[in-house]
Amino acid sequence: MAHCYWHDALGGAEPGAVVTLEGEEAHHAAVVSRMRRGERVLVSDGRGTLAEGVIDHAERDRVDVVLQRVETTPEPSPRIALAQALAKGDRAELAVQASTELGVDAIVPWQARRSVVQWKGERGDKALERWRRIVREAGKQAIRPRLPEVTDAVDTEGLARLADEWTLLVLDPAAPEPLSAVPLAGDVLLVVGPEGGIDPGELERLEAAGAVRARMGDHVLRTSTAGLAAISALSMRLGRW
């Protein structure tokens, strides 16, 4: 399988065009992967365009690719997004990586009341940038033509306001209905709480905004796996898989 690299200005390119990989992308292609002239690669802009081409020139800080095939993928409909509560350790980051591989369309970092981790100031900026980098690397591995947007972190009030754009689906082990039975309308934003569960007051606020609760079987899943299981189930239910 051909390696995949990012190029931000790929949109509108046609077969025969030459695009140049620079910086980290060029270094990875020429030095890490040792790609050489004549080898085939894939190039994506992360916004829906995926191209296949042949390397014409390769050095550590510049790789020229002659495009042979260019395809544009429309945005999926309905969309599936993940509101992932911040969690200690690497649990939330694992969820971000795997959800990108599974095809999620947007990721919303959620500063829940019971989140041990707090994104504040410079630390928060660095954490957000790390999530976005994880998405880029996971998207490259999965050869995604369209990357999920990682929004700025929101608190519960900010999450509730997203109900104007999304159907909020809160994963809750105590919900009366299973995920397979809850009604769905339009784009879906899955809400995954922190390790300690969602605070009752927060759950009440989300339900007041129109959120629907859904349970995932008879077992309590960790924050790093609940969203992944739900994305998989919804991808089947919504006909995306």
Protein backbone atom coordinates (compact mmCIF):
# COMPACT_ATOMS: atom_id res chain seq x y z
CA MET A 1 0.00 0.00 0.00
CA ALA A 2 1.31 3.46 -0.92
CA HIS A 3 2.37 5.86 1.82
CA CYS A 4 0.11 8.86 2.42
CA TYR A 5 1.33 12.44 2.97
CA TRP A 6 -0.34 15.80 3.63
CA HIS A 7 -0.33 18.84 1.37
CA ASP A 8 -2.54 21.74 2.43
CA ALA A 9 -2.94 23.28 -1.05
CA LEU A 10 -4.09 20.19 -2.94
CA GLY A 11 -7.65 21.37 -3.64
CA GLY A 12 -8.24 22.09 -7.35
CA ALA A 13 -5.15 20.19 -8.51
CA GLU A 14 -5.47 18.09 -11.66
CA PRO A 15 -3.57 15.09 -13.07
CA GLY A 16 -0.18 16.19 -14.37
CA ALA A 17 0.28 18.84 -11.70
CA VAL A 18 3.38 18.75 -9.50
CA VAL A 19 2.97 19.20 -5.75
CA THR A 20 5.90 19.64 -3.39
CA LEU A 21 6.11 18.08 0.04
CA GLU A 22 8.19 20.12 2.48
CA GLY A 23 9.13 20.11 6.16
CA GLU A 24 8.11 17.05 8.18
CA GLU A 25 6.29 15.46 5.26
CA ALA A 26 9.35 15.63 3.01
CA HIS A 27 11.63 14.40 5.79
CA HIS A 28 9.37 11.45 6.52
CA ALA A 29 9.13 10.51 2.85
CA ALA A 30 12.79 10.90 1.89
CA VAL A 31 14.59 10.07 5.13
CA VAL A 32 12.32 7.91 7.31
CA SER A 33 10.57 5.93 4.55
CA ARG A 34 13.48 6.29 2.10
CA MET A 35 11.16 6.96 -0.83
CA ARG A 36 12.88 7.48 -4.17
CA ARG A 37 12.13 8.73 -7.68
CA GLY A 38 9.54 6.59 -9.43
CA GLU A 39 7.79 5.35 -6.29
CA ARG A 40 4.06 5.81 -5.92
CA VAL A 41 2.55 7.83 -3.05
CA LEU A 42 -0.80 9.22 -1.96
CA VAL A 43 -1.28 12.88 -1.09
CA SER A 44 -4.25 14.29 0.86
CA ASP A 45 -5.21 17.80 1.91
CA GLY A 46 -7.40 16.57 4.78
CA ARG A 47 -10.37 18.48 3.34
CA GLY A 48 -11.69 15.82 0.95
CA THR A 49 -9.10 15.63 -1.82
CA LEU A 50 -6.95 12.51 -2.23
CA ALA A 51 -4.44 12.18 -5.05
CA GLU A 52 -2.17 9.41 -6.29
CA GLY A 53 1.15 10.29 -7.85
CA VAL A 54 4.74 9.34 -8.57
CA ILE A 55 7.80 10.87 -6.93
CA ASP A 56 9.87 12.86 -9.42
CA HIS A 57 12.48 14.22 -7.02
CA ALA A 58 13.28 13.38 -3.40
CA GLU A 59 15.58 14.97 -0.86
CA ARG A 60 15.30 15.50 2.88
CA ASP A 61 13.58 18.90 2.70
CA ARG A 62 11.79 18.64 -0.66
CA VAL A 63 9.87 15.88 -2.42
CA ASP A 64 8.18 16.60 -5.77
CA VAL A 65 5.19 14.43 -6.71
CA VAL A 66 3.62 14.30 -10.17
CA LEU A 67 -0.10 13.69 -9.71
CA GLN A 68 -1.73 11.00 -11.84
CA ARG A 69 -5.18 10.67 -10.27
CA VAL A 70 -7.14 13.17 -8.17
CA GLU A 71 -10.41 12.37 -6.37
CA THR A 72 -12.64 14.51 -4.18
CA THR A 73 -14.73 12.87 -1.45
CA PRO A 74 -17.89 14.70 -0.31
CA GLU A 75 -18.53 15.25 3.37
CA PRO A 76 -20.41 12.28 4.87
CA SER A 77 -24.09 12.64 5.66
CA PRO A 78 -25.20 12.26 8.32
CA ARG A 79 -22.06 13.18 10.22
CA ILE A 80 -20.85 11.52 13.40
CA ALA A 81 -18.87 13.57 15.93
CA LEU A 82 -17.34 12.75 19.30
CA ALA A 83 -17.43 14.96 22.40
CA GLN A 84 -14.69 13.35 24.47
CA ALA A 85 -14.34 14.29 28.12
CA LEU A 86 -10.78 15.08 29.18
CA ALA A 87 -9.23 12.17 31.05
CA LYS A 88 -5.99 11.49 32.88
CA GLY A 89 -3.16 9.57 31.31
CA ASP A 90 -3.48 8.74 27.65
CA ARG A 91 -7.06 7.45 27.69
CA ALA A 92 -8.61 10.42 25.90
CA GLU A 93 -5.74 10.51 23.41
CA LEU A 94 -6.30 6.84 22.59
CA ALA A 95 -9.96 7.63 21.96
CA VAL A 96 -8.98 10.52 19.66
CA GLN A 97 -6.59 8.35 17.66
CA ALA A 98 -8.92 5.39 17.24
CA SER A 99 -12.02 7.49 16.52
CA THR A 100 -10.11 9.18 13.68
CA GLU A 101 -9.27 5.76 12.24
CA LEU A 102 -12.94 4.76 12.54
CA GLY A 103 -14.06 7.77 10.49
CA VAL A 104 -15.46 10.29 13.00
CA ASP A 105 -16.12 13.69 11.40
CA ALA A 106 -15.40 16.05 14.30
CA ILE A 107 -13.92 15.86 17.79
CA VAL A 108 -14.92 18.16 20.64
CA PRO A 109 -12.71 18.21 23.78
CA TRP A 110 -15.08 18.42 26.76
CA GLN A 111 -13.98 19.92 30.09
CA ALA A 112 -16.46 17.99 32.23
CA ARG A 113 -16.85 18.74 35.94
CA ARG A 114 -15.41 15.36 36.90
CA SER A 115 -12.48 15.56 34.50
CA VAL A 116 -9.32 15.29 36.55
CA VAL A 117 -7.33 16.94 33.78
CA GLN A 118 -7.77 20.70 33.36
CA TRP A 119 -6.91 22.46 30.11
CA LYS A 120 -5.88 25.95 31.17
CA GLY A 121 -3.56 28.51 29.63
CA GLU A 122 -0.44 27.29 27.87
CA ARG A 123 -0.98 23.73 29.06
CA GLY A 124 -4.39 23.67 27.43
CA ASP A 125 -3.02 25.08 24.18
CA LYS A 126 -0.33 22.40 24.04
CA ALA A 127 -2.82 19.64 24.83
CA LEU A 128 -5.17 20.82 22.07
CA GLU A 129 -2.32 20.94 19.58
CA ARG A 130 -1.33 17.41 20.59
CA TRP A 131 -4.88 16.16 19.91
CA ARG A 132 -4.76 17.79 16.47
CA ARG A 133 -1.40 16.23 15.75
CA ILE A 134 -2.71 12.82 16.80
CA VAL A 135 -5.62 13.29 14.38
CA ARG A 136 -3.27 14.15 11.53
CA GLU A 137 -1.07 11.11 12.14
CA ALA A 138 -4.03 8.76 12.57
CA GLY A 139 -5.68 10.15 9.45
CA LYS A 140 -2.51 9.60 7.48
CA GLN A 141 -2.28 6.00 8.67
CA ALA A 142 -5.94 5.42 7.75
CA ILE A 143 -5.51 7.24 4.40
CA ARG A 144 -8.38 9.59 5.11
CA PRO A 145 -9.09 12.21 2.44
CA ARG A 146 -11.00 14.29 5.00
CA LEU A 147 -9.74 14.84 8.55
CA PRO A 148 -12.05 15.46 11.51
CA GLU A 149 -11.92 18.97 12.91
CA VAL A 150 -10.73 19.17 16.51
CA THR A 151 -12.56 22.15 18.00
CA ASP A 152 -11.49 24.28 20.93
CA ALA A 153 -12.35 22.76 24.31
CA VAL A 154 -15.84 23.46 25.65
CA ASP A 155 -17.40 23.31 29.08
CA THR A 156 -20.83 21.76 29.64
CA GLU A 157 -22.65 24.96 28.75
CA GLY A 158 -20.74 25.14 25.48
CA LEU A 159 -21.50 21.49 24.82
CA ALA A 160 -25.23 22.09 25.38
CA ARG A 161 -25.19 24.90 22.81
CA LEU A 162 -24.01 22.45 20.17
CA ALA A 163 -27.51 20.93 20.28
CA ASP A 164 -28.47 23.65 17.77
CA GLU A 165 -26.27 21.89 15.18
CA TRP A 166 -26.14 18.26 16.33
CA THR A 167 -28.33 15.59 17.89
CA LEU A 168 -26.60 15.09 21.24
CA LEU A 169 -26.42 11.41 22.15
CA VAL A 170 -25.11 10.91 25.69
CA LEU A 171 -23.66 7.48 26.47
CA ASP A 172 -25.01 6.55 29.89
CA PRO A 173 -25.00 3.03 31.45
CA ALA A 174 -28.23 3.93 33.28
CA ALA A 175 -30.15 5.10 30.20
CA PRO A 176 -33.56 3.47 29.67
CA GLU A 177 -32.96 2.72 25.98
CA PRO A 178 -30.08 0.98 24.19
CA LEU A 179 -28.13 2.69 21.46
CA SER A 180 -29.79 0.47 18.87
CA ALA A 181 -33.26 1.79 19.74
CA VAL A 182 -32.89 5.53 20.35
CA PRO A 183 -34.33 7.74 17.58
CA LEU A 184 -31.78 9.55 15.44
CA ALA A 185 -32.22 12.69 13.39
CA GLY A 186 -29.55 14.48 11.39
CA ASP A 187 -25.92 14.70 12.45
CA VAL A 188 -25.04 12.94 15.70
CA LEU A 189 -22.67 14.14 18.42
CA LEU A 190 -21.73 11.31 20.79
CA VAL A 191 -21.03 12.53 24.31
CA VAL A 192 -18.58 10.45 26.36
CA GLY A 193 -18.06 11.31 30.02
CA PRO A 194 -14.87 11.12 32.12
CA GLU A 195 -13.72 8.12 34.17
CA GLY A 196 -15.88 9.17 37.12
CA GLY A 197 -19.01 9.39 35.01
CA ILE A 198 -21.10 12.41 34.06
CA ASP A 199 -22.13 14.68 36.91
CA PRO A 200 -25.94 14.53 37.45
CA GLY A 201 -26.23 18.29 37.10
CA GLU A 202 -24.42 18.18 33.78
CA LEU A 203 -26.62 15.35 32.56
CA GLU A 204 -29.69 17.38 33.50
CA ARG A 205 -28.36 20.41 31.59
CA LEU A 206 -27.66 18.36 28.47
CA GLU A 207 -31.09 16.75 28.56
CA ALA A 208 -32.66 20.19 28.91
CA ALA A 209 -30.88 21.12 25.69
CA GLY A 210 -32.45 18.12 23.95
CA ALA A 211 -29.79 15.46 24.48
CA VAL A 212 -30.87 11.82 24.40
CA ARG A 213 -29.31 9.21 26.68
CA ALA A 214 -28.36 5.77 25.38
CA ARG A 215 -26.75 2.76 27.03
CA MET A 216 -24.14 0.47 25.52
CA GLY A 217 -25.19 -3.06 26.47
CA ASP A 218 -24.98 -4.40 30.02
CA HIS A 219 -21.37 -3.44 30.73
CA VAL A 220 -19.79 -0.18 31.83
CA LEU A 221 -17.18 0.88 29.26
CA ARG A 222 -14.19 3.07 29.98
CA THR A 223 -13.95 6.56 28.53
CA SER A 224 -11.31 5.37 26.07
CA THR A 225 -13.54 2.68 24.56
CA ALA A 226 -17.16 3.84 24.93
CA GLY A 227 -17.02 6.32 22.06
CA LEU A 228 -15.26 3.87 19.77
CA ALA A 229 -17.91 1.22 20.30
CA ALA A 230 -20.66 3.77 19.68
CA ILE A 231 -19.02 5.12 16.51
CA SER A 232 -18.82 1.60 15.15
CA ALA A 233 -22.44 0.84 16.01
CA LEU A 234 -23.71 4.11 14.51
CA SER A 235 -21.65 3.66 11.36
CA MET A 236 -23.50 0.41 10.77
CA ARG A 237 -26.90 1.80 11.77
CA LEU A 238 -26.57 4.92 9.61
CA GLY A 239 -25.35 2.99 6.59
CA ARG A 240 -21.88 4.53 6.56
CA TRP A 241 -20.25 1.08 6.70
